[in-house]
Amino acid sequence: MAKRRISDLPVFDAAEHLDTEEAQRAYLSAILEEGDTELFLQALGDVAKAKGMSEIAEKSGLGRESLYKAFAPGKKPQFETVFKVARAAGLEIRIL
């Protein structure tokens, strides 16, 4: 039996599983509870991909390619970008 390498495994894309607004909100809420800002930015990028980057770009007034770059692993988008993407995705940032 041939050994499987990690590179042979399919890449997991969370965006493929975030097919409802309820799932998207639950995903982001769970990650916010962890308190990991880098993970939250990645999750917001996943939600943007799930909604459709073209749609998010149009609604936010930001370029589609710029969004992909801003939410790439290890990137730290400006708060203005995060805020615009959240609003374009139908999300609210509130302090309770």
N, C-alpha and C. Protein backbone atom coordinates (compact mmCIF):
# COMPACT_ATOMS: atom_id res chain seq x y z
N MET A 1 0.85 -1.17 0.00
CA MET A 1 0.00 0.00 0.00
C MET A 1 0.90 1.24 0.00
N ALA A 2 0.62 2.17 -0.91
CA ALA A 2 1.42 3.39 -1.02
C ALA A 2 1.08 4.35 0.11
N LYS A 3 2.09 5.02 0.60
CA LYS A 3 1.88 6.01 1.64
C LYS A 3 1.24 7.25 1.04
N ARG A 4 0.32 7.83 1.81
CA ARG A 4 -0.29 9.09 1.39
C ARG A 4 0.50 10.23 2.00
N ARG A 5 0.69 11.24 1.21
CA ARG A 5 1.37 12.44 1.70
C ARG A 5 0.32 13.51 1.98
N ILE A 6 0.68 14.41 2.85
CA ILE A 6 -0.23 15.51 3.16
C ILE A 6 -0.60 16.26 1.90
N SER A 7 0.33 16.43 1.02
CA SER A 7 0.06 17.16 -0.23
C SER A 7 -0.94 16.44 -1.12
N ASP A 8 -1.20 15.14 -0.86
CA ASP A 8 -2.18 14.38 -1.63
C ASP A 8 -3.60 14.58 -1.14
N LEU A 9 -3.73 15.12 0.07
CA LEU A 9 -5.05 15.31 0.65
C LEU A 9 -5.73 16.52 0.05
N PRO A 10 -7.07 16.48 -0.04
CA PRO A 10 -7.78 17.65 -0.57
C PRO A 10 -7.66 18.82 0.41
N VAL A 11 -7.64 20.01 -0.12
CA VAL A 11 -7.57 21.22 0.70
C VAL A 11 -8.97 21.52 1.24
N PHE A 12 -9.05 21.76 2.54
CA PHE A 12 -10.33 22.10 3.15
C PHE A 12 -10.59 23.58 2.95
N ASP A 13 -11.76 23.89 2.43
CA ASP A 13 -12.17 25.28 2.22
C ASP A 13 -13.46 25.51 2.99
N ALA A 14 -13.35 26.23 4.11
CA ALA A 14 -14.52 26.48 4.97
C ALA A 14 -15.64 27.16 4.21
N ALA A 15 -15.31 28.00 3.24
CA ALA A 15 -16.32 28.74 2.49
C ALA A 15 -17.32 27.80 1.81
N GLU A 16 -16.87 26.62 1.44
CA GLU A 16 -17.76 25.67 0.78
C GLU A 16 -18.86 25.15 1.71
N HIS A 17 -18.67 25.31 3.01
CA HIS A 17 -19.61 24.79 3.99
C HIS A 17 -20.44 25.89 4.66
N LEU A 18 -20.22 27.12 4.27
CA LEU A 18 -20.93 28.25 4.87
C LEU A 18 -22.03 28.70 3.92
N ASP A 19 -22.99 27.81 3.70
CA ASP A 19 -24.00 28.05 2.68
C ASP A 19 -25.26 28.75 3.17
N THR A 20 -25.33 29.08 4.45
CA THR A 20 -26.48 29.84 4.96
C THR A 20 -25.96 30.98 5.84
N GLU A 21 -26.77 32.01 5.97
CA GLU A 21 -26.39 33.12 6.84
C GLU A 21 -26.27 32.66 8.28
N GLU A 22 -27.11 31.72 8.68
CA GLU A 22 -27.03 31.18 10.04
C GLU A 22 -25.68 30.50 10.28
N ALA A 23 -25.24 29.71 9.31
CA ALA A 23 -23.95 29.03 9.45
C ALA A 23 -22.81 30.05 9.48
N GLN A 24 -22.90 31.09 8.66
CA GLN A 24 -21.86 32.11 8.62
C GLN A 24 -21.77 32.85 9.95
N ARG A 25 -22.92 33.21 10.50
CA ARG A 25 -22.92 33.93 11.78
C ARG A 25 -22.41 33.04 12.92
N ALA A 26 -22.83 31.79 12.92
CA ALA A 26 -22.39 30.86 13.96
C ALA A 26 -20.87 30.66 13.88
N TYR A 27 -20.36 30.54 12.68
CA TYR A 27 -18.92 30.37 12.45
C TYR A 27 -18.14 31.56 13.00
N LEU A 28 -18.56 32.77 12.61
CA LEU A 28 -17.86 33.97 13.07
C LEU A 28 -18.00 34.15 14.58
N SER A 29 -19.17 33.87 15.12
CA SER A 29 -19.38 34.01 16.57
C SER A 29 -18.49 33.06 17.36
N ALA A 30 -18.40 31.82 16.90
CA ALA A 30 -17.56 30.84 17.59
C ALA A 30 -16.10 31.27 17.56
N ILE A 31 -15.66 31.81 16.44
CA ILE A 31 -14.27 32.24 16.33
C ILE A 31 -14.01 33.48 17.18
N LEU A 32 -14.97 34.38 17.25
CA LEU A 32 -14.81 35.56 18.11
C LEU A 32 -14.65 35.16 19.56
N GLU A 33 -15.34 34.12 19.97
CA GLU A 33 -15.23 33.65 21.36
C GLU A 33 -13.81 33.17 21.67
N GLU A 34 -13.10 32.72 20.67
CA GLU A 34 -11.72 32.25 20.86
C GLU A 34 -10.76 33.41 21.12
N GLY A 35 -11.12 34.60 20.62
CA GLY A 35 -10.28 35.77 20.84
C GLY A 35 -9.05 35.85 19.96
N ASP A 36 -9.01 35.09 18.90
CA ASP A 36 -7.87 35.06 17.98
C ASP A 36 -8.18 35.96 16.79
N THR A 37 -7.58 37.15 16.76
CA THR A 37 -7.91 38.12 15.72
C THR A 37 -7.48 37.64 14.33
N GLU A 38 -6.36 36.97 14.23
CA GLU A 38 -5.92 36.47 12.92
C GLU A 38 -6.89 35.43 12.38
N LEU A 39 -7.36 34.56 13.25
CA LEU A 39 -8.34 33.55 12.85
C LEU A 39 -9.66 34.20 12.46
N PHE A 40 -10.05 35.26 13.18
CA PHE A 40 -11.28 35.97 12.84
C PHE A 40 -11.18 36.58 11.44
N LEU A 41 -10.04 37.19 11.11
CA LEU A 41 -9.87 37.77 9.78
C LEU A 41 -9.96 36.71 8.70
N GLN A 42 -9.36 35.56 8.97
CA GLN A 42 -9.45 34.44 8.02
C GLN A 42 -10.91 34.00 7.86
N ALA A 43 -11.63 33.93 8.97
CA ALA A 43 -13.03 33.51 8.94
C ALA A 43 -13.89 34.51 8.18
N LEU A 44 -13.64 35.81 8.37
CA LEU A 44 -14.40 36.82 7.63
C LEU A 44 -14.11 36.68 6.13
N GLY A 45 -12.88 36.38 5.79
CA GLY A 45 -12.55 36.10 4.38
C GLY A 45 -13.29 34.87 3.86
N ASP A 46 -13.43 33.85 4.70
CA ASP A 46 -14.19 32.65 4.32
C ASP A 46 -15.65 33.01 4.05
N VAL A 47 -16.21 33.84 4.90
CA VAL A 47 -17.61 34.25 4.73
C VAL A 47 -17.76 35.08 3.45
N ALA A 48 -16.80 35.95 3.21
CA ALA A 48 -16.84 36.75 1.98
C ALA A 48 -16.80 35.85 0.75
N LYS A 49 -15.94 34.83 0.78
CA LYS A 49 -15.87 33.88 -0.34
C LYS A 49 -17.17 33.11 -0.49
N ALA A 50 -17.76 32.73 0.64
CA ALA A 50 -19.02 31.98 0.60
C ALA A 50 -20.13 32.83 -0.02
N LYS A 51 -20.15 34.11 0.28
CA LYS A 51 -21.16 35.02 -0.27
C LYS A 51 -20.87 35.34 -1.73
N GLY A 52 -19.59 35.27 -2.10
CA GLY A 52 -19.17 35.61 -3.46
C GLY A 52 -18.34 36.88 -3.43
N MET A 53 -17.07 36.78 -3.72
CA MET A 53 -16.18 37.93 -3.65
C MET A 53 -16.62 39.05 -4.59
N SER A 54 -17.17 38.70 -5.74
CA SER A 54 -17.63 39.74 -6.67
C SER A 54 -18.76 40.55 -6.05
N GLU A 55 -19.69 39.86 -5.40
CA GLU A 55 -20.81 40.54 -4.73
C GLU A 55 -20.32 41.41 -3.58
N ILE A 56 -19.41 40.87 -2.78
CA ILE A 56 -18.86 41.63 -1.65
C ILE A 56 -18.09 42.84 -2.16
N ALA A 57 -17.33 42.66 -3.22
CA ALA A 57 -16.56 43.78 -3.81
C ALA A 57 -17.50 44.88 -4.27
N GLU A 58 -18.55 44.49 -4.96
CA GLU A 58 -19.51 45.48 -5.47
C GLU A 58 -20.19 46.23 -4.33
N LYS A 59 -20.65 45.50 -3.33
CA LYS A 59 -21.37 46.13 -2.21
C LYS A 59 -20.47 46.97 -1.31
N SER A 60 -19.20 46.59 -1.22
CA SER A 60 -18.29 47.29 -0.33
C SER A 60 -17.54 48.43 -1.02
N GLY A 61 -17.54 48.41 -2.35
CA GLY A 61 -16.80 49.42 -3.09
C GLY A 61 -15.31 49.13 -3.17
N LEU A 62 -14.93 47.91 -2.83
CA LEU A 62 -13.53 47.50 -2.86
C LEU A 62 -13.30 46.58 -4.06
N GLY A 63 -12.09 46.49 -4.52
CA GLY A 63 -11.76 45.63 -5.65
C GLY A 63 -11.74 44.15 -5.24
N ARG A 64 -12.23 43.29 -6.10
CA ARG A 64 -12.28 41.85 -5.81
C ARG A 64 -10.89 41.30 -5.54
N GLU A 65 -9.93 41.63 -6.38
CA GLU A 65 -8.57 41.13 -6.18
C GLU A 65 -7.97 41.68 -4.89
N SER A 66 -8.29 42.93 -4.57
CA SER A 66 -7.80 43.53 -3.33
C SER A 66 -8.35 42.78 -2.12
N LEU A 67 -9.59 42.32 -2.22
CA LEU A 67 -10.19 41.56 -1.11
C LEU A 67 -9.47 40.24 -0.91
N TYR A 68 -9.20 39.54 -2.00
CA TYR A 68 -8.47 38.28 -1.88
C TYR A 68 -7.11 38.51 -1.21
N LYS A 69 -6.43 39.58 -1.61
CA LYS A 69 -5.13 39.89 -1.02
C LYS A 69 -5.26 40.28 0.45
N ALA A 70 -6.27 41.10 0.77
CA ALA A 70 -6.44 41.60 2.14
C ALA A 70 -6.72 40.48 3.13
N PHE A 71 -7.42 39.42 2.67
CA PHE A 71 -7.80 38.34 3.57
C PHE A 71 -6.98 37.06 3.36
N ALA A 72 -5.85 37.21 2.68
CA ALA A 72 -4.94 36.07 2.52
C ALA A 72 -4.32 35.74 3.88
N PRO A 73 -3.96 34.48 4.10
CA PRO A 73 -3.35 34.11 5.39
C PRO A 73 -2.16 35.00 5.74
N GLY A 74 -2.15 35.46 6.97
CA GLY A 74 -1.05 36.28 7.46
C GLY A 74 -1.20 37.77 7.20
N LYS A 75 -2.19 38.16 6.42
CA LYS A 75 -2.40 39.59 6.13
C LYS A 75 -3.23 40.20 7.25
N LYS A 76 -3.09 41.49 7.40
CA LYS A 76 -3.83 42.22 8.43
C LYS A 76 -4.51 43.41 7.76
N PRO A 77 -5.73 43.20 7.26
CA PRO A 77 -6.43 44.30 6.59
C PRO A 77 -6.76 45.43 7.57
N GLN A 78 -6.88 46.63 7.04
CA GLN A 78 -7.26 47.77 7.86
C GLN A 78 -8.68 47.58 8.38
N PHE A 79 -8.97 48.22 9.51
CA PHE A 79 -10.30 48.10 10.10
C PHE A 79 -11.37 48.56 9.12
N GLU A 80 -11.09 49.60 8.35
CA GLU A 80 -12.06 50.10 7.38
C GLU A 80 -12.45 48.99 6.39
N THR A 81 -11.48 48.22 5.95
CA THR A 81 -11.75 47.11 5.04
C THR A 81 -12.59 46.05 5.72
N VAL A 82 -12.23 45.69 6.94
CA VAL A 82 -12.99 44.70 7.71
C VAL A 82 -14.43 45.16 7.88
N PHE A 83 -14.60 46.42 8.24
CA PHE A 83 -15.94 46.98 8.47
C PHE A 83 -16.76 46.94 7.19
N LYS A 84 -16.17 47.38 6.07
CA LYS A 84 -16.89 47.38 4.79
C LYS A 84 -17.28 45.97 4.35
N VAL A 85 -16.38 45.03 4.53
CA VAL A 85 -16.67 43.64 4.14
C VAL A 85 -17.77 43.06 5.02
N ALA A 86 -17.69 43.31 6.32
CA ALA A 86 -18.73 42.82 7.23
C ALA A 86 -20.10 43.38 6.83
N ARG A 87 -20.17 44.67 6.58
CA ARG A 87 -21.44 45.28 6.19
C ARG A 87 -21.93 44.72 4.85
N ALA A 88 -21.02 44.56 3.90
CA ALA A 88 -21.39 44.02 2.59
C ALA A 88 -21.91 42.59 2.70
N ALA A 89 -21.41 41.87 3.70
CA ALA A 89 -21.84 40.48 3.93
C ALA A 89 -23.14 40.40 4.75
N GLY A 90 -23.68 41.57 5.12
CA GLY A 90 -24.92 41.59 5.87
C GLY A 90 -24.71 41.41 7.36
N LEU A 91 -23.51 41.69 7.83
CA LEU A 91 -23.17 41.53 9.25
C LEU A 91 -23.08 42.90 9.91
N GLU A 92 -23.28 42.92 11.22
CA GLU A 92 -23.14 44.14 12.00
C GLU A 92 -22.05 43.95 13.04
N ILE A 93 -21.28 44.99 13.25
CA ILE A 93 -20.31 44.99 14.33
C ILE A 93 -20.89 45.89 15.41
N ARG A 94 -21.20 45.28 16.56
CA ARG A 94 -21.85 46.03 17.64
C ARG A 94 -21.15 45.77 18.96
N ILE A 95 -21.27 46.75 19.83
CA ILE A 95 -20.78 46.62 21.20
C ILE A 95 -22.01 46.51 22.09
N LEU A 96 -22.08 45.46 22.84
CA LEU A 96 -23.25 45.26 23.72
C LEU A 96 -22.88 45.47 25.16
